[in-house]
PDB file of N, CA and C in Angstrom:
ATOM      1  N   MET A   1       2.512 -51.717  46.603  1.00  0.00           N
ATOM      2  CA  MET A   1       2.299 -52.004  48.014  1.00  0.00           C
ATOM      3  C   MET A   1       2.713 -53.442  48.289  1.00  0.00           C
ATOM      4  N   ILE A   2       3.576 -53.642  49.233  1.00  0.00           N
ATOM      5  CA  ILE A   2       4.025 -54.980  49.604  1.00  0.00           C
ATOM      6  C   ILE A   2       3.309 -55.376  50.891  1.00  0.00           C
ATOM      7  N   PHE A   3       2.416 -56.381  50.790  1.00  0.00           N
ATOM      8  CA  PHE A   3       1.616 -56.783  51.939  1.00  0.00           C
ATOM      9  C   PHE A   3       2.321 -57.766  52.853  1.00  0.00           C
ATOM     10  N   ASP A   4       3.388 -58.383  52.381  1.00  0.00           N
ATOM     11  CA  ASP A   4       4.054 -59.387  53.208  1.00  0.00           C
ATOM     12  C   ASP A   4       5.349 -58.877  53.829  1.00  0.00           C
ATOM     13  N   LYS A   5       5.496 -57.558  53.918  1.00  0.00           N
ATOM     14  CA  LYS A   5       6.694 -56.991  54.538  1.00  0.00           C
ATOM     15  C   LYS A   5       6.549 -57.072  56.060  1.00  0.00           C
ATOM     16  N   HIS A   6       7.607 -57.523  56.715  1.00  0.00           N
ATOM     17  CA  HIS A   6       7.596 -57.704  58.165  1.00  0.00           C
ATOM     18  C   HIS A   6       8.762 -56.966  58.815  1.00  0.00           C
ATOM     19  N   TYR A   7       8.715 -56.882  60.129  1.00  0.00           N
ATOM     20  CA  TYR A   7       9.781 -56.224  60.877  1.00  0.00           C
ATOM     21  C   TYR A   7      11.068 -57.035  60.904  1.00  0.00           C
ATOM     22  N   GLY A   8      11.003 -58.315  60.534  1.00  0.00           N
ATOM     23  CA  GLY A   8      12.203 -59.149  60.451  1.00  0.00           C
ATOM     24  C   GLY A   8      12.931 -59.264  61.774  1.00  0.00           C
ATOM     25  N   GLU A   9      14.218 -58.901  61.768  1.00  0.00           N
ATOM     26  CA  GLU A   9      15.052 -59.032  62.969  1.00  0.00           C
ATOM     27  C   GLU A   9      14.569 -58.160  64.127  1.00  0.00           C
ATOM     28  N   GLN A  10      13.824 -57.109  63.818  1.00  0.00           N
ATOM     29  CA  GLN A  10      13.322 -56.235  64.888  1.00  0.00           C
ATOM     30  C   GLN A  10      12.156 -56.855  65.653  1.00  0.00           C
ATOM     31  N   THR A  11      11.596 -57.954  65.135  1.00  0.00           N
ATOM     32  CA  THR A  11      10.482 -58.611  65.818  1.00  0.00           C
ATOM     33  C   THR A  11      10.856 -58.995  67.250  1.00  0.00           C
ATOM     34  N   ALA A  12      12.117 -59.294  67.483  1.00  0.00           N
ATOM     35  CA  ALA A  12      12.574 -59.655  68.835  1.00  0.00           C
ATOM     36  C   ALA A  12      12.379 -58.510  69.828  1.00  0.00           C
ATOM     37  N   TYR A  13      12.195 -57.293  69.328  1.00  0.00           N
ATOM     38  CA  TYR A  13      12.019 -56.120  70.192  1.00  0.00           C
ATOM     39  C   TYR A  13      10.561 -55.661  70.253  1.00  0.00           C
ATOM     40  N   ILE A  14       9.663 -56.468  69.691  1.00  0.00           N
ATOM     41  CA  ILE A  14       8.238 -56.139  69.671  1.00  0.00           C
ATOM     42  C   ILE A  14       7.517 -56.968  70.725  1.00  0.00           C
ATOM     43  N   THR A  15       6.549 -56.331  71.395  1.00  0.00           N
ATOM     44  CA  THR A  15       5.633 -57.059  72.275  1.00  0.00           C
ATOM     45  C   THR A  15       4.226 -56.515  72.071  1.00  0.00           C
ATOM     46  N   MET A  16       3.247 -57.373  72.272  1.00  0.00           N
ATOM     47  CA  MET A  16       1.856 -56.936  72.305  1.00  0.00           C
ATOM     48  C   MET A  16       1.307 -57.439  73.626  1.00  0.00           C
ATOM     49  N   ASN A  17       0.923 -56.519  74.474  1.00  0.00           N
ATOM     50  CA  ASN A  17       0.535 -56.819  75.862  1.00  0.00           C
ATOM     51  C   ASN A  17       1.615 -57.620  76.576  1.00  0.00           C
ATOM     52  N   GLY A  18       2.880 -57.283  76.281  1.00  0.00           N
ATOM     53  CA  GLY A  18       4.013 -57.896  76.959  1.00  0.00           C
ATOM     54  C   GLY A  18       4.470 -59.229  76.397  1.00  0.00           C
ATOM     55  N   ILE A  19       3.841 -59.699  75.308  1.00  0.00           N
ATOM     56  CA  ILE A  19       4.174 -61.010  74.738  1.00  0.00           C
ATOM     57  C   ILE A  19       4.809 -60.826  73.361  1.00  0.00           C
ATOM     58  N   GLU A  20       6.002 -61.404  73.178  1.00  0.00           N
ATOM     59  CA  GLU A  20       6.724 -61.289  71.906  1.00  0.00           C
ATOM     60  C   GLU A  20       6.072 -62.160  70.835  1.00  0.00           C
ATOM     61  N   PRO A  21       5.758 -61.585  69.657  1.00  0.00           N
ATOM     62  CA  PRO A  21       5.155 -62.371  68.583  1.00  0.00           C
ATOM     63  C   PRO A  21       6.194 -63.160  67.784  1.00  0.00           C
ATOM     64  N   PHE A  22       5.707 -64.098  66.990  1.00  0.00           N
ATOM     65  CA  PHE A  22       6.554 -64.847  66.069  1.00  0.00           C
ATOM     66  C   PHE A  22       6.888 -63.967  64.860  1.00  0.00           C
ATOM     67  N   ALA A  23       5.887 -63.202  64.398  1.00  0.00           N
ATOM     68  CA  ALA A  23       6.063 -62.304  63.250  1.00  0.00           C
ATOM     69  C   ALA A  23       5.124 -61.121  63.407  1.00  0.00           C
ATOM     70  N   ASN A  24       5.457 -60.024  62.736  1.00  0.00           N
ATOM     71  CA  ASN A  24       4.657 -58.807  62.806  1.00  0.00           C
ATOM     72  C   ASN A  24       4.802 -58.078  61.483  1.00  0.00           C
ATOM     73  N   SER A  25       3.686 -57.870  60.775  1.00  0.00           N
ATOM     74  CA  SER A  25       3.763 -57.131  59.516  1.00  0.00           C
ATOM     75  C   SER A  25       4.016 -55.659  59.808  1.00  0.00           C
ATOM     76  N   THR A  26       4.567 -54.959  58.841  1.00  0.00           N
ATOM     77  CA  THR A  26       4.685 -53.511  58.983  1.00  0.00           C
ATOM     78  C   THR A  26       3.286 -52.924  58.779  1.00  0.00           C
ATOM     79  N   PRO A  27       3.027 -51.708  59.248  1.00  0.00           N
ATOM     80  CA  PRO A  27       1.694 -51.121  59.098  1.00  0.00           C
ATOM     81  C   PRO A  27       1.268 -51.019  57.632  1.00  0.00           C
ATOM     82  N   ILE A  28      -0.020 -51.291  57.417  1.00  0.00           N
ATOM     83  CA  ILE A  28      -0.634 -51.241  56.094  1.00  0.00           C
ATOM     84  C   ILE A  28      -1.726 -50.183  56.155  1.00  0.00           C
ATOM     85  N   ASP A  29      -1.833 -49.353  55.120  1.00  0.00           N
ATOM     86  CA  ASP A  29      -2.848 -48.302  55.088  1.00  0.00           C
ATOM     87  C   ASP A  29      -4.243 -48.910  55.226  1.00  0.00           C
ATOM     88  N   ILE A  30      -5.085 -48.247  55.980  1.00  0.00           N
ATOM     89  CA  ILE A  30      -6.432 -48.735  56.282  1.00  0.00           C
ATOM     90  C   ILE A  30      -7.288 -48.900  55.024  1.00  0.00           C
ATOM     91  N   CYS A  31      -6.931 -48.236  53.932  1.00  0.00           N
ATOM     92  CA  CYS A  31      -7.715 -48.365  52.694  1.00  0.00           C
ATOM     93  C   CYS A  31      -7.675 -49.795  52.151  1.00  0.00           C
ATOM     94  N   PHE A  32      -6.705 -50.595  52.561  1.00  0.00           N
ATOM     95  CA  PHE A  32      -6.594 -51.981  52.112  1.00  0.00           C
ATOM     96  C   PHE A  32      -7.326 -52.966  53.031  1.00  0.00           C
ATOM     97  N   LEU A  33      -7.893 -52.471  54.125  1.00  0.00           N
ATOM     98  CA  LEU A  33      -8.634 -53.324  55.054  1.00  0.00           C
ATOM     99  C   LEU A  33     -10.005 -53.634  54.463  1.00  0.00           C
ATOM    100  N   GLY A  34     -10.469 -54.866  54.610  1.00  0.00           N
ATOM    101  CA  GLY A  34     -11.765 -55.279  54.070  1.00  0.00           C
ATOM    102  C   GLY A  34     -12.928 -54.499  54.660  1.00  0.00           C
ATOM    103  N   LYS A  35     -13.992 -54.391  53.864  1.00  0.00           N
ATOM    104  CA  LYS A  35     -15.181 -53.636  54.260  1.00  0.00           C
ATOM    105  C   LYS A  35     -15.775 -54.159  55.574  1.00  0.00           C
ATOM    106  N   LYS A  36     -15.803 -55.474  55.733  1.00  0.00           N
ATOM    107  CA  LYS A  36     -16.339 -56.097  56.956  1.00  0.00           C
ATOM    108  C   LYS A  36     -15.615 -55.577  58.196  1.00  0.00           C
ATOM    109  N   PHE A  37     -14.305 -55.445  58.099  1.00  0.00           N
ATOM    110  CA  PHE A  37     -13.508 -55.014  59.248  1.00  0.00           C
ATOM    111  C   PHE A  37     -13.594 -53.505  59.463  1.00  0.00           C
ATOM    112  N   LYS A  38     -13.753 -52.751  58.381  1.00  0.00           N
ATOM    113  CA  LYS A  38     -13.955 -51.306  58.522  1.00  0.00           C
ATOM    114  C   LYS A  38     -15.255 -51.034  59.273  1.00  0.00           C
ATOM    115  N   LYS A  39     -16.274 -51.863  59.011  1.00  0.00           N
ATOM    116  CA  LYS A  39     -17.552 -51.708  59.711  1.00  0.00           C
ATOM    117  C   LYS A  39     -17.391 -51.958  61.211  1.00  0.00           C
ATOM    118  N   VAL A  40     -16.548 -52.918  61.569  1.00  0.00           N
ATOM    119  CA  VAL A  40     -16.282 -53.206  62.987  1.00  0.00           C
ATOM    120  C   VAL A  40     -15.677 -51.970  63.650  1.00  0.00           C
ATOM    121  N   LEU A  41     -14.710 -51.351  62.985  1.00  0.00           N
ATOM    122  CA  LEU A  41     -14.067 -50.151  63.534  1.00  0.00           C
ATOM    123  C   LEU A  41     -15.070 -49.010  63.672  1.00  0.00           C
ATOM    124  N   THR A  42     -15.880 -48.794  62.631  1.00  0.00           N
ATOM    125  CA  THR A  42     -16.868 -47.717  62.646  1.00  0.00           C
ATOM    126  C   THR A  42     -17.904 -47.946  63.744  1.00  0.00           C
ATOM    127  N   ALA A  43     -18.401 -49.170  63.860  1.00  0.00           N
ATOM    128  CA  ALA A  43     -19.422 -49.493  64.862  1.00  0.00           C
ATOM    129  C   ALA A  43     -18.923 -49.265  66.285  1.00  0.00           C
ATOM    130  N   ASN A  44     -17.628 -49.406  66.489  1.00  0.00           N
ATOM    131  CA  ASN A  44     -17.043 -49.222  67.822  1.00  0.00           C
ATOM    132  C   ASN A  44     -16.367 -47.865  67.990  1.00  0.00           C
ATOM    133  N   ASP A  45     -16.576 -46.975  67.010  1.00  0.00           N
ATOM    134  CA  ASP A  45     -16.027 -45.613  67.028  1.00  0.00           C
ATOM    135  C   ASP A  45     -14.508 -45.614  67.244  1.00  0.00           C
ATOM    136  N   ILE A  46     -13.815 -46.496  66.518  1.00  0.00           N
ATOM    137  CA  ILE A  46     -12.360 -46.608  66.590  1.00  0.00           C
ATOM    138  C   ILE A  46     -11.754 -45.905  65.384  1.00  0.00           C
ATOM    139  N   LYS A  47     -10.823 -45.000  65.619  1.00  0.00           N
ATOM    140  CA  LYS A  47     -10.142 -44.259  64.549  1.00  0.00           C
ATOM    141  C   LYS A  47      -8.771 -44.873  64.308  1.00  0.00           C
ATOM    142  N   CYS A  48      -8.577 -45.392  63.095  1.00  0.00           N
ATOM    143  CA  CYS A  48      -7.300 -46.013  62.721  1.00  0.00           C
ATOM    144  C   CYS A  48      -6.903 -45.542  61.331  1.00  0.00           C
ATOM    145  N   GLY A  49      -5.638 -45.233  61.146  1.00  0.00           N
ATOM    146  CA  GLY A  49      -5.125 -44.868  59.833  1.00  0.00           C
ATOM    147  C   GLY A  49      -4.413 -46.027  59.166  1.00  0.00           C
ATOM    148  N   SER A  50      -4.071 -47.042  59.979  1.00  0.00           N
ATOM    149  CA  SER A  50      -3.380 -48.215  59.445  1.00  0.00           C
ATOM    150  C   SER A  50      -3.637 -49.412  60.356  1.00  0.00           C
ATOM    151  N   TYR A  51      -3.264 -50.575  59.841  1.00  0.00           N
ATOM    152  CA  TYR A  51      -3.427 -51.808  60.609  1.00  0.00           C
ATOM    153  C   TYR A  51      -2.234 -52.712  60.343  1.00  0.00           C
ATOM    154  N   MET A  52      -2.118 -53.775  61.113  1.00  0.00           N
ATOM    155  CA  MET A  52      -1.049 -54.754  60.891  1.00  0.00           C
ATOM    156  C   MET A  52      -1.498 -56.109  61.410  1.00  0.00           C
ATOM    157  N   ASN A  53      -0.767 -57.126  61.017  1.00  0.00           N
ATOM    158  CA  ASN A  53      -1.038 -58.490  61.454  1.00  0.00           C
ATOM    159  C   ASN A  53       0.092 -58.947  62.366  1.00  0.00           C
ATOM    160  N   VAL A  54      -0.288 -59.478  63.519  1.00  0.00           N
ATOM    161  CA  VAL A  54       0.673 -59.935  64.516  1.00  0.00           C
ATOM    162  C   VAL A  54       0.438 -61.435  64.705  1.00  0.00           C
ATOM    163  N   ALA A  55       1.482 -62.252  64.491  1.00  0.00           N
ATOM    164  CA  ALA A  55       1.333 -63.709  64.517  1.00  0.00           C
ATOM    165  C   ALA A  55       2.074 -64.343  65.695  1.00  0.00           C
ATOM    166  N   TYR A  56       1.430 -65.355  66.274  1.00  0.00           N
ATOM    167  CA  TYR A  56       2.006 -66.123  67.380  1.00  0.00           C
ATOM    168  C   TYR A  56       1.949 -67.613  67.048  1.00  0.00           C
ATOM    169  N   GLU A  57       2.839 -68.375  67.653  1.00  0.00           N
ATOM    170  CA  GLU A  57       2.853 -69.823  67.442  1.00  0.00           C
ATOM    171  C   GLU A  57       1.857 -70.548  68.343  1.00  0.00           C
ATOM    172  N   LYS A  58       1.344 -69.865  69.352  1.00  0.00           N
ATOM    173  CA  LYS A  58       0.348 -70.432  70.266  1.00  0.00           C
ATOM    174  C   LYS A  58      -0.773 -69.412  70.440  1.00  0.00           C
ATOM    175  N   PRO A  59      -1.997 -69.872  70.737  1.00  0.00           N
ATOM    176  CA  PRO A  59      -3.090 -68.920  70.943  1.00  0.00           C
ATOM    177  C   PRO A  59      -2.818 -68.044  72.165  1.00  0.00           C
ATOM    178  N   GLN A  60      -3.253 -66.804  72.066  1.00  0.00           N
ATOM    179  CA  GLN A  60      -3.085 -65.846  73.160  1.00  0.00           C
ATOM    180  C   GLN A  60      -4.440 -65.571  73.801  1.00  0.00           C
ATOM    181  N   GLN A  61      -4.428 -64.980  74.965  1.00  0.00           N
ATOM    182  CA  GLN A  61      -5.660 -64.682  75.696  1.00  0.00           C
ATOM    183  C   GLN A  61      -6.213 -63.304  75.335  1.00  0.00           C
ATOM    184  N   PHE A  62      -6.056 -62.895  74.081  1.00  0.00           N
ATOM    185  CA  PHE A  62      -6.571 -61.614  73.619  1.00  0.00           C
ATOM    186  C   PHE A  62      -8.030 -61.793  73.195  1.00  0.00           C
ATOM    187  N   GLN A  63      -8.845 -60.783  73.451  1.00  0.00           N
ATOM    188  CA  GLN A  63     -10.255 -60.817  73.076  1.00  0.00           C
ATOM    189  C   GLN A  63     -10.517 -59.827  71.948  1.00  0.00           C
ATOM    190  N   GLU A  64     -11.234 -60.289  70.912  1.00  0.00           N
ATOM    191  CA  GLU A  64     -11.608 -59.383  69.828  1.00  0.00           C
ATOM    192  C   GLU A  64     -12.369 -58.205  70.420  1.00  0.00           C
ATOM    193  N   GLY A  65     -12.077 -57.010  69.923  1.00  0.00           N
ATOM    194  CA  GLY A  65     -12.725 -55.808  70.418  1.00  0.00           C
ATOM    195  C   GLY A  65     -11.997 -55.145  71.577  1.00  0.00           C
ATOM    196  N   SER A  66     -10.886 -55.726  72.002  1.00  0.00           N
ATOM    197  CA  SER A  66     -10.144 -55.135  73.120  1.00  0.00           C
ATOM    198  C   SER A  66      -9.016 -54.234  72.620  1.00  0.00           C
ATOM    199  N   VAL A  67      -8.603 -53.331  73.486  1.00  0.00           N
ATOM    200  CA  VAL A  67      -7.481 -52.436  73.196  1.00  0.00           C
ATOM    201  C   VAL A  67      -6.252 -53.024  73.876  1.00  0.00           C
ATOM    202  N   LEU A  68      -5.181 -53.189  73.094  1.00  0.00           N
ATOM    203  CA  LEU A  68      -3.943 -53.788  73.584  1.00  0.00           C
ATOM    204  C   LEU A  68      -2.796 -52.797  73.442  1.00  0.00           C
ATOM    205  N   LYS A  69      -1.729 -53.036  74.168  1.00  0.00           N
ATOM    206  CA  LYS A  69      -0.523 -52.203  74.061  1.00  0.00           C
ATOM    207  C   LYS A  69       0.485 -52.905  73.154  1.00  0.00           C
ATOM    208  N   TRP A  70       0.872 -52.237  72.073  1.00  0.00           N
ATOM    209  CA  TRP A  70       1.877 -52.752  71.145  1.00  0.00           C
ATOM    210  C   TRP A  70       3.129 -51.905  71.336  1.00  0.00           C
ATOM    211  N   LYS A  71       4.273 -52.572  71.453  1.00  0.00           N
ATOM    212  CA  LYS A  71       5.508 -51.853  71.760  1.00  0.00           C
ATOM    213  C   LYS A  71       6.656 -52.344  70.887  1.00  0.00           C
ATOM    214  N   LEU A  72       7.426 -51.409  70.339  1.00  0.00           N
ATOM    215  CA  LEU A  72       8.674 -51.689  69.621  1.00  0.00           C
ATOM    216  C   LEU A  72       9.752 -50.894  70.337  1.00  0.00           C
ATOM    217  N   ARG A  73      10.623 -51.615  71.025  1.00  0.00           N
ATOM    218  CA  ARG A  73      11.658 -51.008  71.874  1.00  0.00           C
ATOM    219  C   ARG A  73      11.000 -50.059  72.868  1.00  0.00           C
ATOM    220  N   THR A  74      11.194 -48.748  72.727  1.00  0.00           N
ATOM    221  CA  THR A  74      10.594 -47.795  73.675  1.00  0.00           C
ATOM    222  C   THR A  74       9.335 -47.126  73.127  1.00  0.00           C
ATOM    223  N   ASP A  75       9.032 -47.347  71.848  1.00  0.00           N
ATOM    224  CA  ASP A  75       7.827 -46.768  71.247  1.00  0.00           C
ATOM    225  C   ASP A  75       6.625 -47.645  71.569  1.00  0.00           C
ATOM    226  N   GLU A  76       5.600 -47.040  72.155  1.00  0.00           N
ATOM    227  CA  GLU A  76       4.406 -47.789  72.540  1.00  0.00           C
ATOM    228  C   GLU A  76       3.171 -47.126  71.959  1.00  0.00           C
ATOM    229  N   THR A  77       2.225 -47.932  71.495  1.00  0.00           N
ATOM    230  CA  THR A  77       0.983 -47.414  70.949  1.00  0.00           C
ATOM    231  C   THR A  77      -0.162 -48.357  71.293  1.00  0.00           C
ATOM    232  N   SER A  78      -1.373 -47.826  71.255  1.00  0.00           N
ATOM    233  CA  SER A  78      -2.556 -48.648  71.497  1.00  0.00           C
ATOM    234  C   SER A  78      -3.047 -49.210  70.173  1.00  0.00           C
ATOM    235  N   VAL A  79      -3.439 -50.481  70.196  1.00  0.00           N
ATOM    236  CA  VAL A  79      -3.995 -51.127  69.009  1.00  0.00           C
ATOM    237  C   VAL A  79      -5.330 -51.763  69.384  1.00  0.00           C
ATOM    238  N   TYR A  80      -6.232 -51.819  68.407  1.00  0.00           N
ATOM    239  CA  TYR A  80      -7.559 -52.396  68.603  1.00  0.00           C
ATOM    240  C   TYR A  80      -7.605 -53.751  67.909  1.00  0.00           C
ATOM    241  N   LEU A  81      -7.943 -54.803  68.635  1.00  0.00           N
ATOM    242  CA  LEU A  81      -7.976 -56.147  68.060  1.00  0.00           C
ATOM    243  C   LEU A  81      -9.243 -56.331  67.227  1.00  0.00           C
ATOM    244  N   ILE A  82      -9.059 -56.348  65.908  1.00  0.00           N
ATOM    245  CA  ILE A  82     -10.170 -56.457  64.968  1.00  0.00           C
ATOM    246  C   ILE A  82     -10.613 -57.912  64.807  1.00  0.00           C
ATOM    247  N   GLU A  83      -9.636 -58.809  64.595  1.00  0.00           N
ATOM    248  CA  GLU A  83      -9.981 -60.213  64.361  1.00  0.00           C
ATOM    249  C   GLU A  83      -8.821 -61.132  64.715  1.00  0.00           C
ATOM    250  N   GLU A  84      -9.168 -62.345  65.122  1.00  0.00           N
ATOM    251  CA  GLU A  84      -8.188 -63.406  65.377  1.00  0.00           C
ATOM    252  C   GLU A  84      -8.469 -64.533  64.394  1.00  0.00           C
ATOM    253  N   LYS A  85      -7.426 -65.084  63.794  1.00  0.00           N
ATOM    254  CA  LYS A  85      -7.564 -66.208  62.860  1.00  0.00           C
ATOM    255  C   LYS A  85      -6.492 -67.239  63.136  1.00  0.00           C
ATOM    256  N   LYS A  86      -6.880 -68.504  63.061  1.00  0.00           N
ATOM    257  CA  LYS A  86      -5.915 -69.599  63.158  1.00  0.00           C
ATOM    258  C   LYS A  86      -5.579 -70.007  61.724  1.00  0.00           C
ATOM    259  N   LEU A  87      -4.299 -69.970  61.389  1.00  0.00           N
ATOM    260  CA  LEU A  87      -3.850 -70.319  60.046  1.00  0.00           C
ATOM    261  C   LEU A  87      -2.961 -71.555  60.092  1.00  0.00           C
ATOM    262  N   PHE A  88      -2.962 -72.295  59.006  1.00  0.00           N
ATOM    263  CA  PHE A  88      -2.105 -73.469  58.861  1.00  0.00           C
ATOM    264  C   PHE A  88      -1.171 -73.182  57.695  1.00  0.00           C
ATOM    265  N   VAL A  89       0.116 -72.963  58.001  1.00  0.00           N
ATOM    266  CA  VAL A  89       1.100 -72.578  56.988  1.00  0.00           C
ATOM    267  C   VAL A  89       2.276 -73.544  57.026  1.00  0.00           C
ATOM    268  N   LYS A  90       2.545 -74.170  55.896  1.00  0.00           N
ATOM    269  CA  LYS A  90       3.684 -75.091  55.757  1.00  0.00           C
ATOM    270  C   LYS A  90       3.756 -76.105  56.901  1.00  0.00           C
ATOM    271  N   GLY A  91       2.618 -76.717  57.205  1.00  0.00           N
ATOM    272  CA  GLY A  91       2.576 -77.765  58.216  1.00  0.00           C
ATOM    273  C   GLY A  91       2.563 -77.295  59.654  1.00  0.00           C
ATOM    274  N   LYS A  92       2.348 -76.001  59.867  1.00  0.00           N
ATOM    275  CA  LYS A  92       2.393 -75.458  61.226  1.00  0.00           C
ATOM    276  C   LYS A  92       1.222 -74.497  61.452  1.00  0.00           C
ATOM    277  N   HIS A  93       0.677 -74.507  62.675  1.00  0.00           N
ATOM    278  CA  HIS A  93      -0.420 -73.601  63.027  1.00  0.00           C
ATOM    279  C   HIS A  93       0.130 -72.279  63.562  1.00  0.00           C
ATOM    280  N   PHE A  94      -0.551 -71.194  63.181  1.00  0.00           N
ATOM    281  CA  PHE A  94      -0.242 -69.858  63.687  1.00  0.00           C
ATOM    282  C   PHE A  94      -1.548 -69.173  64.040  1.00  0.00           C
ATOM    283  N   TRP A  95      -1.517 -68.342  65.066  1.00  0.00           N
ATOM    284  CA  TRP A  95      -2.657 -67.530  65.447  1.00  0.00           C
ATOM    285  C   TRP A  95      -2.299 -66.097  65.083  1.00  0.00           C
ATOM    286  N   VAL A  96      -3.088 -65.535  64.169  1.00  0.00           N
ATOM    287  CA  VAL A  96      -2.795 -64.206  63.636  1.00  0.00           C
ATOM    288  C   VAL A  96      -3.860 -63.231  64.123  1.00  0.00           C
ATOM    289  N   TYR A  97      -3.401 -62.104  64.614  1.00  0.00           N
ATOM    290  CA  TYR A  97      -4.274 -61.072  65.160  1.00  0.00           C
ATOM    291  C   TYR A  97      -4.169 -59.826  64.288  1.00  0.00           C
ATOM    292  N   CYS A  98      -5.299 -59.442  63.693  1.00  0.00           N
ATOM    293  CA  CYS A  98      -5.358 -58.219  62.892  1.00  0.00           C
ATOM    294  C   CYS A  98      -5.692 -57.083  63.852  1.00  0.00           C
ATOM    295  N   VAL A  99      -4.805 -56.094  63.928  1.00  0.00           N
ATOM    296  CA  VAL A  99      -5.003 -54.984  64.863  1.00  0.00           C
ATOM    297  C   VAL A  99      -4.957 -53.647  64.135  1.00  0.00           C
ATOM    298  N   GLY A 100      -5.868 -52.768  64.498  1.00  0.00           N
ATOM    299  CA  GLY A 100      -5.866 -51.408  63.981  1.00  0.00           C
ATOM    300  C   GLY A 100      -5.016 -50.539  64.887  1.00  0.00           C
ATOM    301  N   ILE A 101      -4.164 -49.727  64.285  1.00  0.00           N
ATOM    302  CA  ILE A 101      -3.307 -48.828  65.063  1.00  0.00           C
ATOM    303  C   ILE A 101      -4.125 -47.576  65.372  1.00  0.00           C
ATOM    304  N   MET A 102      -4.438 -47.388  66.636  1.00  0.00           N
ATOM    305  CA  MET A 102      -5.335 -46.304  67.041  1.00  0.00           C
ATOM    306  C   MET A 102      -4.653 -44.944  66.950  1.00  0.00           C
ATOM    307  N   GLU A 103      -5.439 -43.969  66.525  1.00  0.00           N
ATOM    308  CA  GLU A 103      -4.927 -42.592  66.408  1.00  0.00           C
ATOM    309  C   GLU A 103      -5.195 -41.826  67.681  1.00  0.00           C
TER     310      GLU A 103
END
């Protein structure tokens, strides 16, 4: 399982609630999601088979626990915002949003 695989050049065609991310991981099977986050999904009766991480260079106005629209070209799906984290990578800040892909 490769956890750092991303959409690469296709990221330019991705939006989450209409905003293009800096990076977007490919979907990861939900079995790799931490127990703490699985509890969040269960407590909110959210059904997800996979999740992904969506990164931005600036903070977004997304709220944890909200349902957002994720789109790649013409394919659109609903995602549930599990957690937001601010990361510092190679001298730069990124805001990463862990989202469950809703079934």
